[in-house]
Amino acid sequence: QAVRVVGAALRAGGAEVRFVGGCVRDAIAGRAIRDIDIATPLHPNNVTRRLTRANWKAIPVGIEHGTVLAVAPEGGGTFEVTTLREDVETDGRHARVRFTDNWKQDAARRDFTYNALSVDRHGYLYDYFGGLEDLEGGYTRFVGNASDRIAEDRLRILRAYRFHARFGLREWDGATARALQAQAHELENLSGE
């Protein structure tokens, strides 16, 4: 029920809203869904206004990246709502972003093809980079060039192994294996957390 309510509040006036990332991937894989992430082209200020009008609490947990935590009244759950964005500049861990209304552009900045999947309220699946095929085939592949994705965020090295352990049924493809090996030394630059 809370998902329907937050979706309706955000869609007021015709804005598009989709489920994105892990909740889509896990639903397709038949796994338990832990978190529901929502994306929209609405600016974070607009997201906050719409949530407040619907009597939800809006917490700016990552406002510089367009993320607002939507807290349902009376303990009805929480959802991350993130504005579509593109990375303008990265330092190997954090990105400076620009908001966009382009769904494919937003998906292109994600780490793995199956984490770039999104679904609209009618159940239509958007798959710009072959994520469904990779998920069903047991491949863990980066969106676009593996070396570029890792250079943008070194934490993706650890994420690659974590996701491959959960969803990988096949060996790494050559480009991914080479990129992981070539940049493994960058793990030293990550914080302990």
N, C-alpha and C. Protein backbone atom coordinates (compact mmCIF):
# COMPACT_ATOMS: atom_id res chain seq x y z
N GLN A 1 0.83 -1.20 0.00
CA GLN A 1 0.00 0.00 0.00
C GLN A 1 0.87 1.26 0.00
N ALA A 2 1.92 1.27 0.83
CA ALA A 2 2.79 2.45 0.92
C ALA A 2 3.45 2.74 -0.41
N VAL A 3 3.82 1.71 -1.16
CA VAL A 3 4.45 1.91 -2.47
C VAL A 3 3.47 2.61 -3.41
N ARG A 4 2.21 2.20 -3.38
CA ARG A 4 1.20 2.84 -4.23
C ARG A 4 1.02 4.31 -3.86
N VAL A 5 0.98 4.57 -2.56
CA VAL A 5 0.76 5.94 -2.09
C VAL A 5 1.93 6.84 -2.47
N VAL A 6 3.16 6.41 -2.22
CA VAL A 6 4.31 7.25 -2.56
C VAL A 6 4.40 7.44 -4.08
N GLY A 7 4.10 6.40 -4.84
CA GLY A 7 4.10 6.52 -6.29
C GLY A 7 3.08 7.52 -6.78
N ALA A 8 1.88 7.47 -6.22
CA ALA A 8 0.81 8.40 -6.61
C ALA A 8 1.20 9.83 -6.26
N ALA A 9 1.79 10.02 -5.09
CA ALA A 9 2.20 11.38 -4.68
C ALA A 9 3.25 11.94 -5.63
N LEU A 10 4.19 11.12 -6.05
CA LEU A 10 5.25 11.58 -6.94
C LEU A 10 4.75 11.77 -8.37
N ARG A 11 3.79 10.95 -8.79
CA ARG A 11 3.28 11.03 -10.17
C ARG A 11 2.30 12.17 -10.37
N ALA A 12 1.83 12.79 -9.31
CA ALA A 12 0.86 13.88 -9.44
C ALA A 12 1.37 14.91 -10.43
N GLY A 13 0.55 15.27 -11.39
CA GLY A 13 0.98 16.22 -12.42
C GLY A 13 1.67 15.56 -13.59
N GLY A 14 1.73 14.22 -13.61
CA GLY A 14 2.23 13.52 -14.78
C GLY A 14 3.69 13.11 -14.74
N ALA A 15 4.37 13.25 -13.62
CA ALA A 15 5.79 12.86 -13.55
C ALA A 15 5.91 11.34 -13.64
N GLU A 16 6.97 10.88 -14.28
CA GLU A 16 7.22 9.44 -14.38
C GLU A 16 7.99 8.97 -13.16
N VAL A 17 7.66 7.78 -12.70
CA VAL A 17 8.30 7.18 -11.55
C VAL A 17 8.57 5.72 -11.90
N ARG A 18 9.76 5.24 -11.57
CA ARG A 18 10.11 3.84 -11.81
C ARG A 18 10.81 3.25 -10.60
N PHE A 19 10.67 1.93 -10.46
CA PHE A 19 11.48 1.18 -9.52
C PHE A 19 12.80 0.93 -10.22
N VAL A 20 13.91 1.01 -9.48
CA VAL A 20 15.22 0.88 -10.11
C VAL A 20 16.15 -0.01 -9.28
N GLY A 21 17.16 -0.52 -9.97
CA GLY A 21 18.28 -1.19 -9.31
C GLY A 21 17.96 -2.52 -8.68
N GLY A 22 18.40 -2.68 -7.43
CA GLY A 22 18.36 -3.96 -6.74
C GLY A 22 16.98 -4.56 -6.58
N CYS A 23 15.95 -3.74 -6.33
CA CYS A 23 14.62 -4.32 -6.16
C CYS A 23 14.13 -4.96 -7.45
N VAL A 24 14.47 -4.37 -8.58
CA VAL A 24 14.09 -4.93 -9.88
C VAL A 24 14.88 -6.21 -10.13
N ARG A 25 16.19 -6.13 -9.94
CA ARG A 25 17.06 -7.29 -10.13
C ARG A 25 16.62 -8.46 -9.26
N ASP A 26 16.38 -8.20 -7.97
CA ASP A 26 16.01 -9.26 -7.04
C ASP A 26 14.64 -9.85 -7.36
N ALA A 27 13.70 -9.02 -7.77
CA ALA A 27 12.37 -9.53 -8.14
C ALA A 27 12.48 -10.49 -9.32
N ILE A 28 13.26 -10.11 -10.33
CA ILE A 28 13.44 -10.96 -11.51
C ILE A 28 14.13 -12.26 -11.13
N ALA A 29 15.10 -12.18 -10.22
CA ALA A 29 15.86 -13.36 -9.81
C ALA A 29 15.10 -14.23 -8.80
N GLY A 30 13.91 -13.78 -8.39
CA GLY A 30 13.12 -14.55 -7.43
C GLY A 30 13.65 -14.49 -6.02
N ARG A 31 14.37 -13.42 -5.70
CA ARG A 31 14.95 -13.26 -4.36
C ARG A 31 14.12 -12.27 -3.55
N ALA A 32 14.29 -12.30 -2.26
CA ALA A 32 13.59 -11.37 -1.38
C ALA A 32 14.02 -9.94 -1.69
N ILE A 33 13.08 -9.04 -1.69
CA ILE A 33 13.37 -7.62 -1.93
C ILE A 33 13.53 -6.95 -0.57
N ARG A 34 14.71 -6.38 -0.35
CA ARG A 34 14.99 -5.75 0.94
C ARG A 34 14.67 -4.26 0.90
N ASP A 35 15.09 -3.59 -0.14
CA ASP A 35 14.90 -2.15 -0.25
C ASP A 35 14.22 -1.85 -1.58
N ILE A 36 13.34 -0.87 -1.55
CA ILE A 36 12.70 -0.44 -2.79
C ILE A 36 13.21 0.96 -3.10
N ASP A 37 13.93 1.06 -4.21
CA ASP A 37 14.46 2.34 -4.65
C ASP A 37 13.63 2.84 -5.82
N ILE A 38 13.36 4.13 -5.79
CA ILE A 38 12.50 4.77 -6.78
C ILE A 38 13.29 5.87 -7.45
N ALA A 39 13.12 6.01 -8.76
CA ALA A 39 13.77 7.10 -9.49
C ALA A 39 12.70 7.92 -10.21
N THR A 40 13.02 9.18 -10.42
CA THR A 40 12.11 10.11 -11.08
C THR A 40 12.92 11.27 -11.66
N PRO A 41 12.43 11.88 -12.73
CA PRO A 41 13.11 13.08 -13.22
C PRO A 41 12.81 14.33 -12.38
N LEU A 42 11.93 14.22 -11.40
CA LEU A 42 11.60 15.37 -10.55
C LEU A 42 12.83 15.84 -9.78
N HIS A 43 13.00 17.15 -9.68
CA HIS A 43 14.08 17.73 -8.88
C HIS A 43 13.85 17.35 -7.41
N PRO A 44 14.92 17.16 -6.62
CA PRO A 44 14.76 16.78 -5.21
C PRO A 44 13.84 17.72 -4.41
N ASN A 45 13.89 19.01 -4.70
CA ASN A 45 13.00 19.95 -4.00
C ASN A 45 11.53 19.64 -4.30
N ASN A 46 11.27 19.28 -5.55
CA ASN A 46 9.91 18.92 -5.95
C ASN A 46 9.49 17.61 -5.30
N VAL A 47 10.41 16.65 -5.22
CA VAL A 47 10.13 15.38 -4.54
C VAL A 47 9.75 15.67 -3.09
N THR A 48 10.52 16.51 -2.41
CA THR A 48 10.26 16.85 -1.01
C THR A 48 8.90 17.50 -0.85
N ARG A 49 8.56 18.44 -1.72
CA ARG A 49 7.25 19.11 -1.65
C ARG A 49 6.11 18.11 -1.81
N ARG A 50 6.24 17.22 -2.79
CA ARG A 50 5.17 16.25 -3.05
C ARG A 50 5.00 15.27 -1.89
N LEU A 51 6.11 14.84 -1.32
CA LEU A 51 6.02 13.93 -0.18
C LEU A 51 5.38 14.62 1.02
N THR A 52 5.78 15.85 1.28
CA THR A 52 5.23 16.60 2.41
C THR A 52 3.73 16.82 2.24
N ARG A 53 3.30 17.15 1.00
CA ARG A 53 1.87 17.32 0.73
C ARG A 53 1.08 16.04 1.00
N ALA A 54 1.72 14.89 0.82
CA ALA A 54 1.05 13.60 1.04
C ALA A 54 1.22 13.12 2.49
N ASN A 55 1.70 14.02 3.36
CA ASN A 55 1.90 13.73 4.79
C ASN A 55 2.99 12.69 5.05
N TRP A 56 3.97 12.64 4.16
CA TRP A 56 5.14 11.80 4.35
C TRP A 56 6.27 12.68 4.87
N LYS A 57 7.21 12.07 5.55
CA LYS A 57 8.41 12.78 5.98
C LYS A 57 9.45 12.64 4.87
N ALA A 58 10.12 13.71 4.53
CA ALA A 58 11.16 13.70 3.50
C ALA A 58 12.49 14.07 4.15
N ILE A 59 13.44 13.14 4.14
CA ILE A 59 14.74 13.36 4.75
C ILE A 59 15.80 13.42 3.64
N PRO A 60 16.52 14.53 3.52
CA PRO A 60 17.53 14.68 2.45
C PRO A 60 18.82 13.91 2.77
N VAL A 61 18.80 12.59 2.62
CA VAL A 61 19.93 11.76 3.01
C VAL A 61 21.14 11.87 2.08
N GLY A 62 20.89 12.22 0.84
CA GLY A 62 21.98 12.37 -0.13
C GLY A 62 21.57 13.43 -1.15
N ILE A 63 21.20 14.57 -0.65
CA ILE A 63 20.58 15.60 -1.49
C ILE A 63 21.52 16.08 -2.60
N GLU A 64 22.85 16.08 -2.35
CA GLU A 64 23.77 16.51 -3.40
C GLU A 64 23.77 15.53 -4.57
N HIS A 65 23.29 14.31 -4.32
CA HIS A 65 23.15 13.32 -5.39
C HIS A 65 21.69 13.09 -5.75
N GLY A 66 20.81 13.91 -5.19
CA GLY A 66 19.40 13.85 -5.54
C GLY A 66 18.59 12.82 -4.79
N THR A 67 19.09 12.34 -3.64
CA THR A 67 18.38 11.29 -2.91
C THR A 67 17.66 11.83 -1.68
N VAL A 68 16.37 11.50 -1.63
CA VAL A 68 15.51 11.86 -0.51
C VAL A 68 14.93 10.57 0.06
N LEU A 69 14.99 10.42 1.37
CA LEU A 69 14.38 9.26 2.01
C LEU A 69 12.92 9.60 2.30
N ALA A 70 12.02 8.83 1.72
CA ALA A 70 10.58 9.02 1.93
C ALA A 70 10.15 8.10 3.06
N VAL A 71 9.64 8.70 4.13
CA VAL A 71 9.22 7.93 5.30
C VAL A 71 7.70 8.00 5.40
N ALA A 72 7.07 6.84 5.30
CA ALA A 72 5.61 6.76 5.34
C ALA A 72 5.10 7.07 6.74
N PRO A 73 3.91 7.67 6.81
CA PRO A 73 3.33 7.91 8.13
C PRO A 73 3.03 6.59 8.85
N GLU A 74 3.06 6.66 10.18
CA GLU A 74 2.68 5.53 11.02
C GLU A 74 3.47 4.26 10.74
N GLY A 75 4.77 4.41 10.50
CA GLY A 75 5.64 3.25 10.32
C GLY A 75 5.35 2.41 9.09
N GLY A 76 4.86 3.05 8.04
CA GLY A 76 4.50 2.34 6.81
C GLY A 76 5.66 2.00 5.90
N GLY A 77 6.89 2.30 6.31
CA GLY A 77 8.05 1.95 5.51
C GLY A 77 8.82 3.15 5.02
N THR A 78 10.00 2.88 4.46
CA THR A 78 10.85 3.94 3.90
C THR A 78 11.28 3.54 2.49
N PHE A 79 11.49 4.55 1.67
CA PHE A 79 11.90 4.34 0.29
C PHE A 79 12.87 5.44 -0.09
N GLU A 80 13.94 5.08 -0.79
CA GLU A 80 14.83 6.11 -1.33
C GLU A 80 14.28 6.56 -2.66
N VAL A 81 14.13 7.86 -2.81
CA VAL A 81 13.67 8.45 -4.06
C VAL A 81 14.81 9.30 -4.59
N THR A 82 15.29 8.96 -5.77
CA THR A 82 16.45 9.65 -6.33
C THR A 82 16.12 10.26 -7.68
N THR A 83 16.55 11.49 -7.84
CA THR A 83 16.39 12.19 -9.11
C THR A 83 17.36 11.62 -10.13
N LEU A 84 16.89 11.47 -11.36
CA LEU A 84 17.77 11.00 -12.44
C LEU A 84 18.98 11.91 -12.52
N ARG A 85 20.14 11.31 -12.77
CA ARG A 85 21.36 12.12 -12.79
C ARG A 85 22.40 11.52 -13.72
N GLU A 86 23.38 12.32 -14.00
CA GLU A 86 24.55 11.85 -14.74
C GLU A 86 25.78 12.33 -13.98
N ASP A 87 26.83 11.55 -14.02
CA ASP A 87 28.07 11.94 -13.36
C ASP A 87 28.80 12.93 -14.24
N VAL A 88 29.16 14.07 -13.65
CA VAL A 88 29.89 15.10 -14.37
C VAL A 88 31.38 14.93 -14.15
N GLU A 89 31.74 14.55 -12.93
CA GLU A 89 33.15 14.41 -12.55
C GLU A 89 33.24 13.43 -11.39
N THR A 90 34.27 12.59 -11.39
CA THR A 90 34.45 11.65 -10.28
C THR A 90 35.89 11.72 -9.79
N ASP A 91 36.09 11.31 -8.54
CA ASP A 91 37.44 11.32 -7.97
C ASP A 91 37.91 9.90 -7.64
N GLY A 92 37.25 8.91 -8.17
CA GLY A 92 37.59 7.53 -7.87
C GLY A 92 36.74 6.94 -6.77
N ARG A 93 35.88 7.75 -6.18
CA ARG A 93 34.96 7.25 -5.16
C ARG A 93 33.64 8.02 -5.16
N HIS A 94 33.71 9.35 -5.26
CA HIS A 94 32.51 10.17 -5.21
C HIS A 94 32.37 10.95 -6.52
N ALA A 95 31.13 11.22 -6.86
CA ALA A 95 30.86 11.93 -8.11
C ALA A 95 30.18 13.26 -7.85
N ARG A 96 30.47 14.20 -8.73
CA ARG A 96 29.68 15.44 -8.80
C ARG A 96 28.67 15.17 -9.90
N VAL A 97 27.40 15.45 -9.64
CA VAL A 97 26.35 15.06 -10.58
C VAL A 97 25.59 16.27 -11.11
N ARG A 98 24.90 16.00 -12.21
CA ARG A 98 23.97 16.96 -12.79
C ARG A 98 22.65 16.20 -12.97
N PHE A 99 21.56 16.83 -12.57
CA PHE A 99 20.27 16.18 -12.72
C PHE A 99 19.84 16.20 -14.18
N THR A 100 19.09 15.17 -14.56
CA THR A 100 18.66 15.03 -15.95
C THR A 100 17.24 14.48 -15.97
N ASP A 101 16.65 14.44 -17.14
CA ASP A 101 15.35 13.79 -17.30
C ASP A 101 15.47 12.59 -18.24
N ASN A 102 16.71 12.18 -18.49
CA ASN A 102 16.98 11.10 -19.44
C ASN A 102 17.24 9.79 -18.69
N TRP A 103 16.30 8.85 -18.82
CA TRP A 103 16.40 7.58 -18.11
C TRP A 103 17.62 6.76 -18.53
N LYS A 104 17.91 6.73 -19.81
CA LYS A 104 19.05 5.94 -20.29
C LYS A 104 20.36 6.53 -19.77
N GLN A 105 20.44 7.84 -19.74
CA GLN A 105 21.65 8.51 -19.22
C GLN A 105 21.86 8.15 -17.75
N ASP A 106 20.78 8.12 -16.98
CA ASP A 106 20.86 7.74 -15.58
C ASP A 106 21.31 6.29 -15.45
N ALA A 107 20.74 5.40 -16.26
CA ALA A 107 21.11 3.99 -16.21
C ALA A 107 22.57 3.77 -16.60
N ALA A 108 23.08 4.61 -17.49
CA ALA A 108 24.46 4.46 -17.98
C ALA A 108 25.50 4.71 -16.90
N ARG A 109 25.15 5.41 -15.83
CA ARG A 109 26.12 5.70 -14.78
C ARG A 109 26.11 4.63 -13.69
N ARG A 110 25.26 3.63 -13.83
CA ARG A 110 25.19 2.56 -12.83
C ARG A 110 26.32 1.56 -13.03
N ASP A 111 26.52 0.69 -12.06
CA ASP A 111 27.68 -0.21 -12.12
C ASP A 111 27.48 -1.39 -13.06
N PHE A 112 26.52 -2.27 -12.79
CA PHE A 112 26.37 -3.50 -13.56
C PHE A 112 25.09 -3.48 -14.38
N THR A 113 25.10 -4.21 -15.45
CA THR A 113 23.96 -4.19 -16.37
C THR A 113 22.67 -4.57 -15.68
N TYR A 114 22.71 -5.55 -14.77
CA TYR A 114 21.46 -5.95 -14.12
C TYR A 114 21.06 -5.01 -12.99
N ASN A 115 21.93 -4.09 -12.59
CA ASN A 115 21.56 -3.05 -11.64
C ASN A 115 21.06 -1.80 -12.35
N ALA A 116 21.11 -1.80 -13.68
CA ALA A 116 20.62 -0.66 -14.47
C ALA A 116 19.19 -0.88 -14.97
N LEU A 117 18.57 -1.98 -14.53
CA LEU A 117 17.19 -2.27 -14.93
C LEU A 117 16.23 -1.35 -14.18
N SER A 118 15.11 -1.02 -14.82
CA SER A 118 14.05 -0.27 -14.15
C SER A 118 12.70 -0.78 -14.63
N VAL A 119 11.67 -0.56 -13.80
CA VAL A 119 10.31 -1.01 -14.11
C VAL A 119 9.35 0.12 -13.78
N ASP A 120 8.41 0.38 -14.70
CA ASP A 120 7.40 1.39 -14.41
C ASP A 120 6.21 0.78 -13.67
N ARG A 121 5.24 1.60 -13.33
CA ARG A 121 4.12 1.12 -12.52
C ARG A 121 3.23 0.12 -13.23
N HIS A 122 3.36 0.04 -14.55
CA HIS A 122 2.57 -0.92 -15.32
C HIS A 122 3.31 -2.24 -15.49
N GLY A 123 4.53 -2.33 -14.96
CA GLY A 123 5.30 -3.56 -15.05
C GLY A 123 6.18 -3.65 -16.28
N TYR A 124 6.30 -2.55 -17.03
CA TYR A 124 7.15 -2.56 -18.22
C TYR A 124 8.62 -2.46 -17.79
N LEU A 125 9.43 -3.40 -18.28
CA LEU A 125 10.84 -3.45 -17.94
C LEU A 125 11.67 -2.64 -18.93
N TYR A 126 12.52 -1.77 -18.42
CA TYR A 126 13.44 -0.99 -19.26
C TYR A 126 14.84 -1.56 -19.05
N ASP A 127 15.42 -2.01 -20.15
CA ASP A 127 16.72 -2.68 -20.09
C ASP A 127 17.59 -2.13 -21.22
N TYR A 128 18.37 -1.11 -20.92
CA TYR A 128 19.16 -0.41 -21.94
C TYR A 128 20.47 -1.12 -22.27
N PHE A 129 20.95 -2.01 -21.39
CA PHE A 129 22.30 -2.54 -21.54
C PHE A 129 22.40 -4.06 -21.44
N GLY A 130 21.30 -4.77 -21.68
CA GLY A 130 21.35 -6.23 -21.66
C GLY A 130 21.39 -6.84 -20.28
N GLY A 131 20.89 -6.14 -19.29
CA GLY A 131 20.92 -6.63 -17.91
C GLY A 131 20.09 -7.88 -17.69
N LEU A 132 18.93 -7.97 -18.32
CA LEU A 132 18.08 -9.15 -18.15
C LEU A 132 18.79 -10.40 -18.67
N GLU A 133 19.38 -10.28 -19.84
CA GLU A 133 20.12 -11.41 -20.42
C GLU A 133 21.31 -11.80 -19.54
N ASP A 134 22.02 -10.81 -19.01
CA ASP A 134 23.16 -11.10 -18.13
C ASP A 134 22.70 -11.76 -16.84
N LEU A 135 21.62 -11.27 -16.26
CA LEU A 135 21.10 -11.85 -15.02
C LEU A 135 20.66 -13.29 -15.23
N GLU A 136 19.91 -13.51 -16.29
CA GLU A 136 19.43 -14.87 -16.58
C GLU A 136 20.57 -15.80 -16.98
N GLY A 137 21.61 -15.27 -17.60
CA GLY A 137 22.74 -16.08 -18.02
C GLY A 137 23.82 -16.25 -16.96
N GLY A 138 23.70 -15.50 -15.86
CA GLY A 138 24.69 -15.61 -14.80
C GLY A 138 25.96 -14.83 -15.04
N TYR A 139 25.87 -13.74 -15.82
CA TYR A 139 27.04 -12.91 -16.09
C TYR A 139 26.99 -11.65 -15.24
N THR A 140 28.14 -11.26 -14.71
CA THR A 140 28.27 -9.98 -14.02
C THR A 140 29.12 -9.10 -14.91
N ARG A 141 28.46 -8.13 -15.54
CA ARG A 141 29.17 -7.23 -16.47
C ARG A 141 28.90 -5.78 -16.09
N PHE A 142 29.93 -4.98 -16.26
CA PHE A 142 29.78 -3.55 -16.03
C PHE A 142 28.98 -2.93 -17.17
N VAL A 143 28.31 -1.84 -16.87
CA VAL A 143 27.67 -1.04 -17.91
C VAL A 143 28.78 -0.32 -18.66
N GLY A 144 28.83 -0.51 -19.96
CA GLY A 144 29.86 0.16 -20.75
C GLY A 144 31.24 -0.45 -20.51
N ASN A 145 32.24 0.41 -20.49
CA ASN A 145 33.63 -0.01 -20.35
C ASN A 145 33.96 -0.30 -18.89
N ALA A 146 34.38 -1.53 -18.59
CA ALA A 146 34.66 -1.94 -17.20
C ALA A 146 35.72 -1.06 -16.55
N SER A 147 36.78 -0.74 -17.27
CA SER A 147 37.85 0.09 -16.70
C SER A 147 37.34 1.47 -16.33
N ASP A 148 36.49 2.05 -17.17
CA ASP A 148 35.92 3.37 -16.87
C ASP A 148 35.03 3.33 -15.64
N ARG A 149 34.19 2.30 -15.54
CA ARG A 149 33.28 2.19 -14.39
C ARG A 149 34.07 2.06 -13.09
N ILE A 150 35.14 1.28 -13.11
CA ILE A 150 35.95 1.10 -11.90
C ILE A 150 36.69 2.39 -11.56
N ALA A 151 37.22 3.07 -12.56
CA ALA A 151 37.95 4.32 -12.31
C ALA A 151 37.03 5.38 -11.70
N GLU A 152 35.75 5.34 -12.04
CA GLU A 152 34.79 6.29 -11.47
C GLU A 152 34.57 6.04 -9.98
N ASP A 153 34.60 4.77 -9.59
CA ASP A 153 34.35 4.42 -8.20
C ASP A 153 35.04 3.10 -7.89
N ARG A 154 36.15 3.17 -7.16
CA ARG A 154 36.94 1.98 -6.86
C ARG A 154 36.19 0.94 -6.04
N LEU A 155 35.17 1.38 -5.31
CA LEU A 155 34.37 0.44 -4.52
C LEU A 155 33.69 -0.59 -5.43
N ARG A 156 33.55 -0.28 -6.69
CA ARG A 156 32.93 -1.21 -7.63
C ARG A 156 33.72 -2.51 -7.79
N ILE A 157 34.99 -2.49 -7.44
CA ILE A 157 35.78 -3.72 -7.47
C ILE A 157 35.19 -4.71 -6.46
N LEU A 158 34.99 -4.25 -5.23
CA LEU A 158 34.41 -5.11 -4.21
C LEU A 158 32.97 -5.48 -4.55
N ARG A 159 32.22 -4.52 -5.07
CA ARG A 159 30.83 -4.80 -5.46
C ARG A 159 30.78 -5.86 -6.56
N ALA A 160 31.73 -5.83 -7.47
CA ALA A 160 31.76 -6.82 -8.55
C ALA A 160 31.85 -8.22 -7.98
N TYR A 161 32.74 -8.42 -7.03
CA TYR A 161 32.90 -9.76 -6.44
C TYR A 161 31.67 -10.14 -5.61
N ARG A 162 31.13 -9.17 -4.88
CA ARG A 162 29.95 -9.46 -4.07
C ARG A 162 28.76 -9.88 -4.95
N PHE A 163 28.51 -9.12 -6.01
CA PHE A 163 27.38 -9.45 -6.88
C PHE A 163 27.64 -10.71 -7.69
N HIS A 164 28.88 -10.91 -8.08
CA HIS A 164 29.21 -12.12 -8.83
C HIS A 164 28.99 -13.37 -7.96
N ALA A 165 29.28 -13.24 -6.67
CA ALA A 165 29.05 -14.37 -5.76
C ALA A 165 27.57 -14.69 -5.63
N ARG A 166 26.72 -13.67 -5.74
CA ARG A 166 25.27 -13.88 -5.62
C ARG A 166 24.60 -14.28 -6.92
N PHE A 167 25.06 -13.70 -8.03
CA PHE A 167 24.33 -13.86 -9.30
C PHE A 167 25.15 -14.48 -10.42
N GLY A 168 26.45 -14.59 -10.22
CA GLY A 168 27.31 -15.08 -11.29
C GLY A 168 27.30 -16.60 -11.40
N LEU A 169 27.00 -17.07 -12.57
CA LEU A 169 27.05 -18.50 -12.85
C LEU A 169 28.17 -18.82 -13.85
N ARG A 170 28.71 -17.80 -14.45
CA ARG A 170 29.72 -17.94 -15.50
C ARG A 170 31.01 -17.26 -15.05
N GLU A 171 32.09 -17.61 -15.71
CA GLU A 171 33.37 -16.94 -15.47
C GLU A 171 33.26 -15.48 -15.92
N TRP A 172 34.14 -14.64 -15.38
CA TRP A 172 34.21 -13.25 -15.83
C TRP A 172 34.52 -13.22 -17.32
N ASP A 173 33.96 -12.26 -18.04
CA ASP A 173 34.41 -12.07 -19.42
C ASP A 173 35.80 -11.44 -19.37
N GLY A 174 36.54 -11.54 -20.47
CA GLY A 174 37.94 -11.10 -20.49
C GLY A 174 38.15 -9.66 -20.11
N ALA A 175 37.33 -8.75 -20.66
CA ALA A 175 37.50 -7.32 -20.38
C ALA A 175 37.27 -7.02 -18.91
N THR A 176 36.26 -7.64 -18.32
CA THR A 176 35.96 -7.42 -16.91
C THR A 176 37.09 -7.95 -16.04
N ALA A 177 37.55 -9.17 -16.32
CA ALA A 177 38.63 -9.77 -15.53
C ALA A 177 39.89 -8.91 -15.60
N ARG A 178 40.22 -8.43 -16.79
CA ARG A 178 41.43 -7.60 -16.95
C ARG A 178 41.28 -6.27 -16.19
N ALA A 179 40.11 -5.66 -16.26
CA ALA A 179 39.90 -4.38 -15.57
C ALA A 179 39.98 -4.55 -14.06
N LEU A 180 39.38 -5.61 -13.54
CA LEU A 180 39.44 -5.86 -12.10
C LEU A 180 40.87 -6.09 -11.65
N GLN A 181 41.61 -6.87 -12.39
CA GLN A 181 43.00 -7.15 -12.03
C GLN A 181 43.86 -5.90 -12.13
N ALA A 182 43.68 -5.13 -13.21
CA ALA A 182 44.52 -3.95 -13.44
C ALA A 182 44.32 -2.88 -12.37
N GLN A 183 43.12 -2.81 -11.80
CA GLN A 183 42.85 -1.74 -10.85
C GLN A 183 42.72 -2.23 -9.41
N ALA A 184 43.05 -3.49 -9.16
CA ALA A 184 42.94 -4.05 -7.80
C ALA A 184 43.74 -3.25 -6.79
N HIS A 185 44.89 -2.70 -7.19
CA HIS A 185 45.72 -1.92 -6.26
C HIS A 185 44.99 -0.68 -5.74
N GLU A 186 43.96 -0.23 -6.44
CA GLU A 186 43.19 0.96 -6.01
C GLU A 186 42.38 0.69 -4.75
N LEU A 187 42.20 -0.59 -4.39
CA LEU A 187 41.45 -0.90 -3.17
C LEU A 187 42.13 -0.29 -1.93
N GLU A 188 43.44 -0.09 -2.00
CA GLU A 188 44.17 0.51 -0.88
C GLU A 188 43.69 1.93 -0.61
N ASN A 189 43.07 2.58 -1.59
CA ASN A 189 42.62 3.96 -1.43
C ASN A 189 41.21 4.07 -0.86
N LEU A 190 40.56 2.94 -0.58
CA LEU A 190 39.23 2.96 0.02
C LEU A 190 39.34 3.09 1.53
N SER A 191 38.34 3.69 2.15
CA SER A 191 38.31 3.75 3.61
C SER A 191 38.00 2.37 4.15
N GLY A 192 38.30 2.14 5.41
CA GLY A 192 38.02 0.86 6.04
C GLY A 192 36.54 0.51 6.03
N GLU A 193 35.71 1.52 6.15
CA GLU A 193 34.26 1.29 6.12
C GLU A 193 33.82 0.74 4.79
